[in-house]
Structures are given as structure tokens and as C-alpha cells.
């Protein structure tokens, strides 16, 4: 009889016996921790991985989705529409109003109708007008003369006597320095010169080569306000000066 040959051992996928192969697989999938002890942070880390899958890091946050105050009351919605119309710089469409206020288009249209009715009933100086594919608040045409007069005259205060005198000196002696104007008038004119400059009636055009002081001259706006085509049309000062023949020599 031939000697009995030993059975060939069965090996697992890793080249180890099945029992050892299972142990290797279990070790590969085990969470890091003390040997023979349960990892107390394993469950927490698993939850964090689930949260990362549901809400990946770096996902953009939609800040436009912040909820607006409820405008369930039609009067409140009309007031909100009115506030927006007062700050827009161009006609705005109904759809844009509805999107900005997070309201249905029909509700915004009803609010605009309510505003029109309210303005008409109390004969307000403003009205909601449809123009250029949108809506905007305008002053009523019936009050155009008052608005025009206010903008042309009422908004600008009249020049003081000191400002008029300073402007006359600059007009006839231009270009002239501030110190020279002060010497002619006998008073400090710094504040008056700043006022005339802010009104656009005079402008600084350079520096005096001798003193380094700023030189001032009148502007085109000055000619427009005075109704002149050029400085040559300024009235002569000779008729306003005293008669030199009647003055004594010591008075000259």
C-alpha cells in the first residue's frame, strides 16, 4: 500500500486559511482604536461622514432665500411697493417688483392699482405712471410750474451783498488772487470765494508767478446768469467812478 498523502489545505483569497483570511478582512475594516476595545468615536465619525455626503463642504449658500417679513395685509404690500418706487432710478417692471418683494404678480398689480386710486382720491402731487415697459412715481403735470420754479429759483439762495461785491471785483480784475480781492475790499474773502466756487461762478485757473497765490476768473455760468455773451459786454466802471477833475491832488 502506498502511504496516505496528507490532504492539501484550502486557502482563502489572501493566501491564508479561511479563518485567518476572515480575521484579516475584519482587521482591514475595523475602525482604529485600542486592540480588543470598541472605538467610542466610531459612531460619531460615521455620522459626520453621512452629513458630509448629504451637505458637502463648500456648497454655495443661497442668501437670497432669506425670508422677508410677511406682507399679508394689502395695505402693507401697497406701502412696500410705494417705498420701492421712491428709490428706483428707472422704471421697474411688475415682475421685478413681485420678485423683489417675494409676492405674486397679481398681488403687486393690485397694490399698484390701490396706490393710483389713493393718489387720485387725495389729489396728491405724485402719480404712478407706466412708462418704458415699467412703472415709476412721477410728479403730476399740473404742478410742473411750481416744481420748475422751485428748482430754478427757490433751491438756490440769493447771493449776499459781500458775495456780489467779491464777484464784481473778480469779474473786472480777472485773473486775480484772493489776497488782491481782499486788499481791494478791505476784508477777508476766503469764505465768499469758497461760496462762489461752489456755485460754479468762479474757478481757479492757476497761480500767480510772483506770489504763488491762486488766480481766479469767472466761468461760462457767470456769463449765462448775467446774460452776457462775453466779458467785453461788462458795463464800464467809468460812469461809476468819481470825477477825477474835481478831486484835489492829495485825494488821488
C-alpha atoms as a PDB file:
ATOM      1  CA  UNK A   1       0.000   0.000   0.000  1.00  0.00           C
ATOM      2  CA  UNK A   2       1.110   3.487  -0.767  1.00  0.00           C
ATOM      3  CA  UNK A   3       1.416   5.778   2.096  1.00  0.00           C
ATOM      4  CA  UNK A   4      -1.536   8.019   2.670  1.00  0.00           C
ATOM      5  CA  UNK A   5      -0.898  11.522   1.298  1.00  0.00           C
ATOM      6  CA  UNK A   6      -1.962  14.414   3.522  1.00  0.00           C
ATOM      7  CA  UNK A   7      -4.952  16.487   2.380  1.00  0.00           C
ATOM      8  CA  UNK A   8      -3.978  19.721   0.598  1.00  0.00           C
ATOM      9  CA  UNK A   9      -5.012  22.682   2.745  1.00  0.00           C
ATOM     10  CA  UNK A  10      -7.732  25.006   1.418  1.00  0.00           C
ATOM     11  CA  UNK A  11      -6.515  28.608   1.148  1.00  0.00           C
ATOM     12  CA  UNK A  12      -8.547  31.764   1.137  1.00  0.00           C
ATOM     13  CA  UNK A  13      -8.289  34.823  -1.189  1.00  0.00           C
ATOM     14  CA  UNK A  14      -5.344  36.212   0.732  1.00  0.00           C
ATOM     15  CA  UNK A  15      -3.363  33.012   0.593  1.00  0.00           C
ATOM     16  CA  UNK A  16      -4.205  32.235   4.214  1.00  0.00           C
ATOM     17  CA  UNK A  17      -6.529  29.642   5.678  1.00  0.00           C
ATOM     18  CA  UNK A  18     -10.163  30.756   5.720  1.00  0.00           C
ATOM     19  CA  UNK A  19     -10.184  31.552   9.439  1.00  0.00           C
ATOM     20  CA  UNK A  20      -7.088  33.727   9.145  1.00  0.00           C
ATOM     21  CA  UNK A  21      -8.454  35.342   5.946  1.00  0.00           C
ATOM     22  CA  UNK A  22     -11.611  36.362   7.779  1.00  0.00           C
ATOM     23  CA  UNK A  23      -9.536  37.848  10.551  1.00  0.00           C
ATOM     24  CA  UNK A  24      -7.501  39.901   8.058  1.00  0.00           C
ATOM     25  CA  UNK A  25     -10.661  41.218   6.406  1.00  0.00           C
ATOM     26  CA  UNK A  26     -12.133  42.137   9.754  1.00  0.00           C
ATOM     27  CA  UNK A  27      -8.943  43.970  10.715  1.00  0.00           C
ATOM     28  CA  UNK A  28      -8.941  45.919   7.429  1.00  0.00           C
ATOM     29  CA  UNK A  29     -12.467  47.200   8.030  1.00  0.00           C
ATOM     30  CA  UNK A  30     -12.119  47.828  11.718  1.00  0.00           C
ATOM     31  CA  UNK A  31     -12.095  51.453  12.969  1.00  0.00           C
ATOM     32  CA  UNK A  32      -8.774  52.486  14.519  1.00  0.00           C
ATOM     33  CA  UNK A  33      -8.735  52.099  18.242  1.00  0.00           C
ATOM     34  CA  UNK A  34      -7.277  50.118  21.059  1.00  0.00           C
ATOM     35  CA  UNK A  35      -6.940  46.430  20.307  1.00  0.00           C
ATOM     36  CA  UNK A  36      -9.768  44.431  21.739  1.00  0.00           C
ATOM     37  CA  UNK A  37     -11.696  47.615  22.698  1.00  0.00           C
ATOM     38  CA  UNK A  38     -14.630  49.293  20.970  1.00  0.00           C
ATOM     39  CA  UNK A  39     -13.779  52.648  19.441  1.00  0.00           C
ATOM     40  CA  UNK A  40     -16.038  55.198  21.217  1.00  0.00           C
ATOM     41  CA  UNK A  41     -15.708  57.711  18.344  1.00  0.00           C
ATOM     42  CA  UNK A  42     -16.593  55.270  15.569  1.00  0.00           C
ATOM     43  CA  UNK A  43     -20.294  56.072  15.608  1.00  0.00           C
ATOM     44  CA  UNK A  44     -19.677  59.823  15.697  1.00  0.00           C
ATOM     45  CA  UNK A  45     -17.306  59.654  12.731  1.00  0.00           C
ATOM     46  CA  UNK A  46     -19.826  57.613  10.801  1.00  0.00           C
ATOM     47  CA  UNK A  47     -22.484  60.281  11.409  1.00  0.00           C
ATOM     48  CA  UNK A  48     -20.079  63.001  10.225  1.00  0.00           C
ATOM     49  CA  UNK A  49     -19.429  61.096   7.004  1.00  0.00           C
ATOM     50  CA  UNK A  50     -23.178  60.801   6.425  1.00  0.00           C
ATOM     51  CA  UNK A  51     -23.619  64.546   6.979  1.00  0.00           C
ATOM     52  CA  UNK A  52     -20.798  65.334   4.547  1.00  0.00           C
ATOM     53  CA  UNK A  53     -22.461  63.214   1.892  1.00  0.00           C
ATOM     54  CA  UNK A  54     -25.795  64.982   2.471  1.00  0.00           C
ATOM     55  CA  UNK A  55     -24.299  68.506   2.683  1.00  0.00           C
ATOM     56  CA  UNK A  56     -20.860  68.603   1.016  1.00  0.00           C
ATOM     57  CA  UNK A  57     -18.349  71.114   2.286  1.00  0.00           C
ATOM     58  CA  UNK A  58     -18.117  74.233   0.134  1.00  0.00           C
ATOM     59  CA  UNK A  59     -21.656  74.045  -1.198  1.00  0.00           C
ATOM     60  CA  UNK A  60     -22.856  77.617  -2.007  1.00  0.00           C
ATOM     61  CA  UNK A  61     -25.332  79.159   0.407  1.00  0.00           C
ATOM     62  CA  UNK A  62     -28.286  80.884  -1.194  1.00  0.00           C
ATOM     63  CA  UNK A  63     -28.548  84.104   0.799  1.00  0.00           C
ATOM     64  CA  UNK A  64     -31.343  85.337  -1.449  1.00  0.00           C
ATOM     65  CA  UNK A  65     -33.581  82.734   0.087  1.00  0.00           C
ATOM     66  CA  UNK A  66     -33.715  84.600   3.409  1.00  0.00           C
ATOM     67  CA  UNK A  67     -37.362  85.027   4.324  1.00  0.00           C
ATOM     68  CA  UNK A  68     -38.891  88.513   4.007  1.00  0.00           C
ATOM     69  CA  UNK A  69     -41.379  89.913   6.504  1.00  0.00           C
ATOM     70  CA  UNK A  70     -44.881  88.743   5.730  1.00  0.00           C
ATOM     71  CA  UNK A  71     -46.978  91.202   3.715  1.00  0.00           C
ATOM     72  CA  UNK A  72     -50.329  89.521   4.051  1.00  0.00           C
ATOM     73  CA  UNK A  73     -52.128  92.833   4.578  1.00  0.00           C
ATOM     74  CA  UNK A  74     -52.820  94.517   1.185  1.00  0.00           C
ATOM     75  CA  UNK A  75     -52.158  97.916   2.768  1.00  0.00           C
ATOM     76  CA  UNK A  76     -48.693  96.803   3.892  1.00  0.00           C
ATOM     77  CA  UNK A  77     -47.908  95.443   0.441  1.00  0.00           C
ATOM     78  CA  UNK A  78     -49.004  98.715  -1.153  1.00  0.00           C
ATOM     79  CA  UNK A  79     -46.751 100.618   1.262  1.00  0.00           C
ATOM     80  CA  UNK A  80     -43.807  98.352   0.401  1.00  0.00           C
ATOM     81  CA  UNK A  81     -44.363  98.858  -3.330  1.00  0.00           C
ATOM     82  CA  UNK A  82     -44.551 102.615  -2.780  1.00  0.00           C
ATOM     83  CA  UNK A  83     -41.252 102.579  -0.853  1.00  0.00           C
ATOM     84  CA  UNK A  84     -39.507 100.697  -3.649  1.00  0.00           C
ATOM     85  CA  UNK A  85     -40.859 103.058  -6.303  1.00  0.00           C
ATOM     86  CA  UNK A  86     -39.441 106.027  -4.410  1.00  0.00           C
ATOM     87  CA  UNK A  87     -35.878 104.677  -4.519  1.00  0.00           C
ATOM     88  CA  UNK A  88     -35.658 103.231  -8.033  1.00  0.00           C
ATOM     89  CA  UNK A  89     -33.741 105.291 -10.580  1.00  0.00           C
ATOM     90  CA  UNK A  90     -35.589 103.933 -13.617  1.00  0.00           C
ATOM     91  CA  UNK A  91     -38.991 102.393 -14.380  1.00  0.00           C
ATOM     92  CA  UNK A  92     -39.286  98.920 -12.883  1.00  0.00           C
ATOM     93  CA  UNK A  93     -41.413  96.095 -14.223  1.00  0.00           C
ATOM     94  CA  UNK A  94     -44.203  94.480 -12.255  1.00  0.00           C
ATOM     95  CA  UNK A  95     -42.384  91.160 -12.474  1.00  0.00           C
ATOM     96  CA  UNK A  96     -39.272  92.703 -10.907  1.00  0.00           C
ATOM     97  CA  UNK A  97     -41.350  94.187  -8.099  1.00  0.00           C
ATOM     98  CA  UNK A  98     -43.014  90.843  -7.479  1.00  0.00           C
ATOM     99  CA  UNK A  99     -39.670  89.027  -7.396  1.00  0.00           C
ATOM    100  CA  UNK A 100     -38.042  91.595  -5.133  1.00  0.00           C
ATOM    101  CA  UNK A 101     -40.918  91.564  -2.667  1.00  0.00           C
ATOM    102  CA  UNK A 102     -41.487  87.789  -2.909  1.00  0.00           C
ATOM    103  CA  UNK A 103     -45.137  88.340  -3.765  1.00  0.00           C
ATOM    104  CA  UNK A 104     -47.407  87.078  -6.535  1.00  0.00           C
ATOM    105  CA  UNK A 105     -47.613  89.283  -9.613  1.00  0.00           C
ATOM    106  CA  UNK A 106     -51.376  89.629  -9.209  1.00  0.00           C
ATOM    107  CA  UNK A 107     -50.931  90.946  -5.662  1.00  0.00           C
ATOM    108  CA  UNK A 108     -48.377  93.551  -6.816  1.00  0.00           C
ATOM    109  CA  UNK A 109     -50.678  94.690  -9.620  1.00  0.00           C
ATOM    110  CA  UNK A 110     -53.472  95.105  -7.084  1.00  0.00           C
ATOM    111  CA  UNK A 111     -51.132  97.130  -4.848  1.00  0.00           C
ATOM    112  CA  UNK A 112     -50.239  99.432  -7.761  1.00  0.00           C
ATOM    113  CA  UNK A 113     -53.931  99.940  -8.528  1.00  0.00           C
ATOM    114  CA  UNK A 114     -54.540 100.802  -4.872  1.00  0.00           C
ATOM    115  CA  UNK A 115     -51.705 103.351  -4.942  1.00  0.00           C
ATOM    116  CA  UNK A 116     -53.099 105.006  -8.068  1.00  0.00           C
ATOM    117  CA  UNK A 117     -56.550 105.227  -6.523  1.00  0.00           C
ATOM    118  CA  UNK A 118     -55.168 106.627  -3.277  1.00  0.00           C
ATOM    119  CA  UNK A 119     -53.139 109.308  -5.071  1.00  0.00           C
ATOM    120  CA  UNK A 120     -56.123 110.307  -7.191  1.00  0.00           C
ATOM    121  CA  UNK A 121     -58.584 110.428  -4.296  1.00  0.00           C
ATOM    122  CA  UNK A 122     -56.453 112.763  -2.202  1.00  0.00           C
ATOM    123  CA  UNK A 123     -55.244 114.733  -5.235  1.00  0.00           C
ATOM    124  CA  UNK A 124     -51.624 114.010  -4.389  1.00  0.00           C
ATOM    125  CA  UNK A 125     -48.794 115.784  -6.141  1.00  0.00           C
ATOM    126  CA  UNK A 126     -47.418 112.484  -7.399  1.00  0.00           C
ATOM    127  CA  UNK A 127     -48.797 109.662  -9.512  1.00  0.00           C
ATOM    128  CA  UNK A 128     -47.866 106.144 -10.600  1.00  0.00           C
ATOM    129  CA  UNK A 129     -47.220 106.151 -14.319  1.00  0.00           C
ATOM    130  CA  UNK A 130     -46.497 103.333 -16.762  1.00  0.00           C
ATOM    131  CA  UNK A 131     -43.528 104.198 -18.955  1.00  0.00           C
ATOM    132  CA  UNK A 132     -40.737 102.365 -20.797  1.00  0.00           C
ATOM    133  CA  UNK A 133     -42.198  98.979 -20.021  1.00  0.00           C
ATOM    134  CA  UNK A 134     -42.360  99.564 -16.272  1.00  0.00           C
ATOM    135  CA  UNK A 135     -43.844 101.751 -13.572  1.00  0.00           C
ATOM    136  CA  UNK A 136     -42.450 104.702 -11.665  1.00  0.00           C
ATOM    137  CA  UNK A 137     -43.596 107.577  -9.456  1.00  0.00           C
ATOM    138  CA  UNK A 138     -43.744 110.992 -11.174  1.00  0.00           C
ATOM    139  CA  UNK A 139     -44.882 114.442 -10.171  1.00  0.00           C
ATOM    140  CA  UNK A 140     -48.242 115.421 -11.635  1.00  0.00           C
ATOM    141  CA  UNK A 141     -48.075 117.616 -14.744  1.00  0.00           C
ATOM    142  CA  UNK A 142     -50.457 120.089 -13.100  1.00  0.00           C
ATOM    143  CA  UNK A 143     -47.792 121.073 -10.594  1.00  0.00           C
ATOM    144  CA  UNK A 144     -44.967 121.372 -13.123  1.00  0.00           C
ATOM    145  CA  UNK A 145     -44.781 125.212 -12.909  1.00  0.00           C
ATOM    146  CA  UNK A 146     -44.288 125.105  -9.145  1.00  0.00           C
ATOM    147  CA  UNK A 147     -41.661 122.371  -9.369  1.00  0.00           C
ATOM    148  CA  UNK A 148     -39.809 124.178 -12.143  1.00  0.00           C
ATOM    149  CA  UNK A 149     -39.769 127.469 -10.253  1.00  0.00           C
ATOM    150  CA  UNK A 150     -38.510 125.784  -7.101  1.00  0.00           C
ATOM    151  CA  UNK A 151     -35.683 124.067  -8.952  1.00  0.00           C
ATOM    152  CA  UNK A 152     -34.650 127.206 -10.811  1.00  0.00           C
ATOM    153  CA  UNK A 153     -35.016 129.808  -8.073  1.00  0.00           C
ATOM    154  CA  UNK A 154     -36.173 128.516  -4.741  1.00  0.00           C
ATOM    155  CA  UNK A 155     -33.470 125.899  -4.310  1.00  0.00           C
ATOM    156  CA  UNK A 156     -30.619 128.384  -4.701  1.00  0.00           C
ATOM    157  CA  UNK A 157     -30.443 131.176  -2.155  1.00  0.00           C
ATOM    158  CA  UNK A 158     -29.587 134.613  -3.453  1.00  0.00           C
ATOM    159  CA  UNK A 159     -26.032 135.877  -3.221  1.00  0.00           C
ATOM    160  CA  UNK A 160     -25.231 138.161  -0.309  1.00  0.00           C
ATOM    161  CA  UNK A 161     -24.002 141.702  -0.797  1.00  0.00           C
ATOM    162  CA  UNK A 162     -20.492 140.599   0.141  1.00  0.00           C
ATOM    163  CA  UNK A 163     -20.596 137.824  -2.461  1.00  0.00           C
ATOM    164  CA  UNK A 164     -21.823 140.207  -5.160  1.00  0.00           C
ATOM    165  CA  UNK A 165     -19.064 142.702  -4.380  1.00  0.00           C
ATOM    166  CA  UNK A 166     -16.401 139.984  -4.445  1.00  0.00           C
ATOM    167  CA  UNK A 167     -17.770 138.602  -7.707  1.00  0.00           C
ATOM    168  CA  UNK A 168     -17.662 142.094  -9.245  1.00  0.00           C
ATOM    169  CA  UNK A 169     -14.010 142.551  -8.256  1.00  0.00           C
ATOM    170  CA  UNK A 170     -13.078 139.199  -9.768  1.00  0.00           C
ATOM    171  CA  UNK A 171     -15.063 139.885 -12.940  1.00  0.00           C
ATOM    172  CA  UNK A 172     -13.311 143.197 -13.595  1.00  0.00           C
ATOM    173  CA  UNK A 173      -9.813 142.275 -12.397  1.00  0.00           C
ATOM    174  CA  UNK A 174      -9.557 138.641 -13.508  1.00  0.00           C
ATOM    175  CA  UNK A 175      -7.450 136.674 -13.268  1.00  0.00           C
ATOM    176  CA  UNK A 176      -6.896 137.867  -9.731  1.00  0.00           C
ATOM    177  CA  UNK A 177      -5.669 136.366  -6.485  1.00  0.00           C
ATOM    178  CA  UNK A 178      -7.715 136.048  -3.330  1.00  0.00           C
ATOM    179  CA  UNK A 179      -5.331 138.307  -1.438  1.00  0.00           C
ATOM    180  CA  UNK A 180      -5.713 141.016  -4.076  1.00  0.00           C
ATOM    181  CA  UNK A 181      -9.503 140.836  -3.809  1.00  0.00           C
ATOM    182  CA  UNK A 182      -9.214 141.086  -0.032  1.00  0.00           C
ATOM    183  CA  UNK A 183      -6.983 144.155  -0.378  1.00  0.00           C
ATOM    184  CA  UNK A 184      -9.464 145.862  -2.702  1.00  0.00           C
ATOM    185  CA  UNK A 185     -12.480 145.115  -0.486  1.00  0.00           C
ATOM    186  CA  UNK A 186     -10.637 145.625   2.783  1.00  0.00           C
ATOM    187  CA  UNK A 187     -11.988 142.388   4.320  1.00  0.00           C
ATOM    188  CA  UNK A 188     -11.162 138.696   4.276  1.00  0.00           C
ATOM    189  CA  UNK A 189     -12.904 136.981   1.357  1.00  0.00           C
ATOM    190  CA  UNK A 190     -11.911 133.336   1.879  1.00  0.00           C
ATOM    191  CA  UNK A 191     -15.428 132.212   2.768  1.00  0.00           C
ATOM    192  CA  UNK A 192     -17.032 134.217  -0.024  1.00  0.00           C
ATOM    193  CA  UNK A 193     -14.607 132.811  -2.597  1.00  0.00           C
ATOM    194  CA  UNK A 194     -15.455 129.274  -1.482  1.00  0.00           C
ATOM    195  CA  UNK A 195     -19.157 130.065  -1.880  1.00  0.00           C
ATOM    196  CA  UNK A 196     -18.696 131.496  -5.362  1.00  0.00           C
ATOM    197  CA  UNK A 197     -16.587 128.494  -6.356  1.00  0.00           C
ATOM    198  CA  UNK A 198     -19.196 126.026  -5.087  1.00  0.00           C
ATOM    199  CA  UNK A 199     -21.874 127.898  -7.043  1.00  0.00           C
ATOM    200  CA  UNK A 200     -19.803 127.479 -10.198  1.00  0.00           C
ATOM    201  CA  UNK A 201     -19.486 131.233 -10.780  1.00  0.00           C
ATOM    202  CA  UNK A 202     -15.694 131.389 -10.460  1.00  0.00           C
ATOM    203  CA  UNK A 203     -12.898 128.872 -10.929  1.00  0.00           C
ATOM    204  CA  UNK A 204      -9.207 128.706 -10.050  1.00  0.00           C
ATOM    205  CA  UNK A 205      -7.060 128.834 -13.171  1.00  0.00           C
ATOM    206  CA  UNK A 206      -3.503 128.725 -11.916  1.00  0.00           C
ATOM    207  CA  UNK A 207      -1.056 130.501  -9.622  1.00  0.00           C
ATOM    208  CA  UNK A 208       0.351 133.994  -9.563  1.00  0.00           C
ATOM    209  CA  UNK A 209       4.015 133.756 -10.678  1.00  0.00           C
ATOM    210  CA  UNK A 210       5.057 136.393  -8.127  1.00  0.00           C
ATOM    211  CA  UNK A 211       3.135 135.428  -5.009  1.00  0.00           C
ATOM    212  CA  UNK A 212       2.173 131.819  -5.763  1.00  0.00           C
ATOM    213  CA  UNK A 213      -1.416 132.569  -4.790  1.00  0.00           C
ATOM    214  CA  UNK A 214      -4.269 131.021  -6.722  1.00  0.00           C
ATOM    215  CA  UNK A 215      -5.709 133.012  -9.607  1.00  0.00           C
ATOM    216  CA  UNK A 216      -9.477 133.134 -10.068  1.00  0.00           C
ATOM    217  CA  UNK A 217     -11.649 134.028 -13.033  1.00  0.00           C
ATOM    218  CA  UNK A 218     -15.350 133.887 -13.829  1.00  0.00           C
ATOM    219  CA  UNK A 219     -16.954 130.939 -15.626  1.00  0.00           C
ATOM    220  CA  UNK A 220     -19.362 130.411 -18.501  1.00  0.00           C
ATOM    221  CA  UNK A 221     -22.116 130.031 -15.923  1.00  0.00           C
ATOM    222  CA  UNK A 222     -21.384 133.577 -14.744  1.00  0.00           C
ATOM    223  CA  UNK A 223     -21.898 134.887 -18.278  1.00  0.00           C
ATOM    224  CA  UNK A 224     -25.105 132.870 -18.585  1.00  0.00           C
ATOM    225  CA  UNK A 225     -26.506 134.203 -15.317  1.00  0.00           C
ATOM    226  CA  UNK A 226     -25.552 137.767 -16.235  1.00  0.00           C
ATOM    227  CA  UNK A 227     -26.984 137.459 -19.734  1.00  0.00           C
ATOM    228  CA  UNK A 228     -23.649 138.279 -21.395  1.00  0.00           C
ATOM    229  CA  UNK A 229     -22.022 136.839 -24.493  1.00  0.00           C
ATOM    230  CA  UNK A 230     -18.506 137.700 -23.331  1.00  0.00           C
ATOM    231  CA  UNK A 231     -16.667 139.701 -20.706  1.00  0.00           C
ATOM    232  CA  UNK A 232     -16.375 142.533 -23.203  1.00  0.00           C
ATOM    233  CA  UNK A 233     -20.069 143.229 -22.577  1.00  0.00           C
ATOM    234  CA  UNK A 234     -19.490 144.034 -18.911  1.00  0.00           C
ATOM    235  CA  UNK A 235     -20.668 147.578 -18.222  1.00  0.00           C
ATOM    236  CA  UNK A 236     -17.965 150.198 -17.957  1.00  0.00           C
ATOM    237  CA  UNK A 237     -16.988 151.344 -14.481  1.00  0.00           C
ATOM    238  CA  UNK A 238     -16.060 154.855 -15.619  1.00  0.00           C
ATOM    239  CA  UNK A 239     -19.521 156.355 -15.046  1.00  0.00           C
ATOM    240  CA  UNK A 240     -19.489 154.984 -11.519  1.00  0.00           C
ATOM    241  CA  UNK A 241     -16.115 156.489 -10.596  1.00  0.00           C
ATOM    242  CA  UNK A 242     -15.796 159.971  -9.078  1.00  0.00           C
ATOM    243  CA  UNK A 243     -14.817 162.843 -11.359  1.00  0.00           C
ATOM    244  CA  UNK A 244     -11.036 162.997 -11.190  1.00  0.00           C
ATOM    245  CA  UNK A 245     -11.025 166.634 -12.279  1.00  0.00           C
ATOM    246  CA  UNK A 246     -12.950 167.612  -9.154  1.00  0.00           C
ATOM    247  CA  UNK A 247     -10.583 165.847  -6.760  1.00  0.00           C
ATOM    248  CA  UNK A 248      -7.678 167.573  -5.051  1.00  0.00           C
ATOM    249  CA  UNK A 249      -4.241 166.103  -5.615  1.00  0.00           C
ATOM    250  CA  UNK A 250      -3.980 164.812  -2.051  1.00  0.00           C
ATOM    251  CA  UNK A 251      -7.252 162.920  -2.538  1.00  0.00           C
ATOM    252  CA  UNK A 252      -5.960 160.989  -5.534  1.00  0.00           C
END
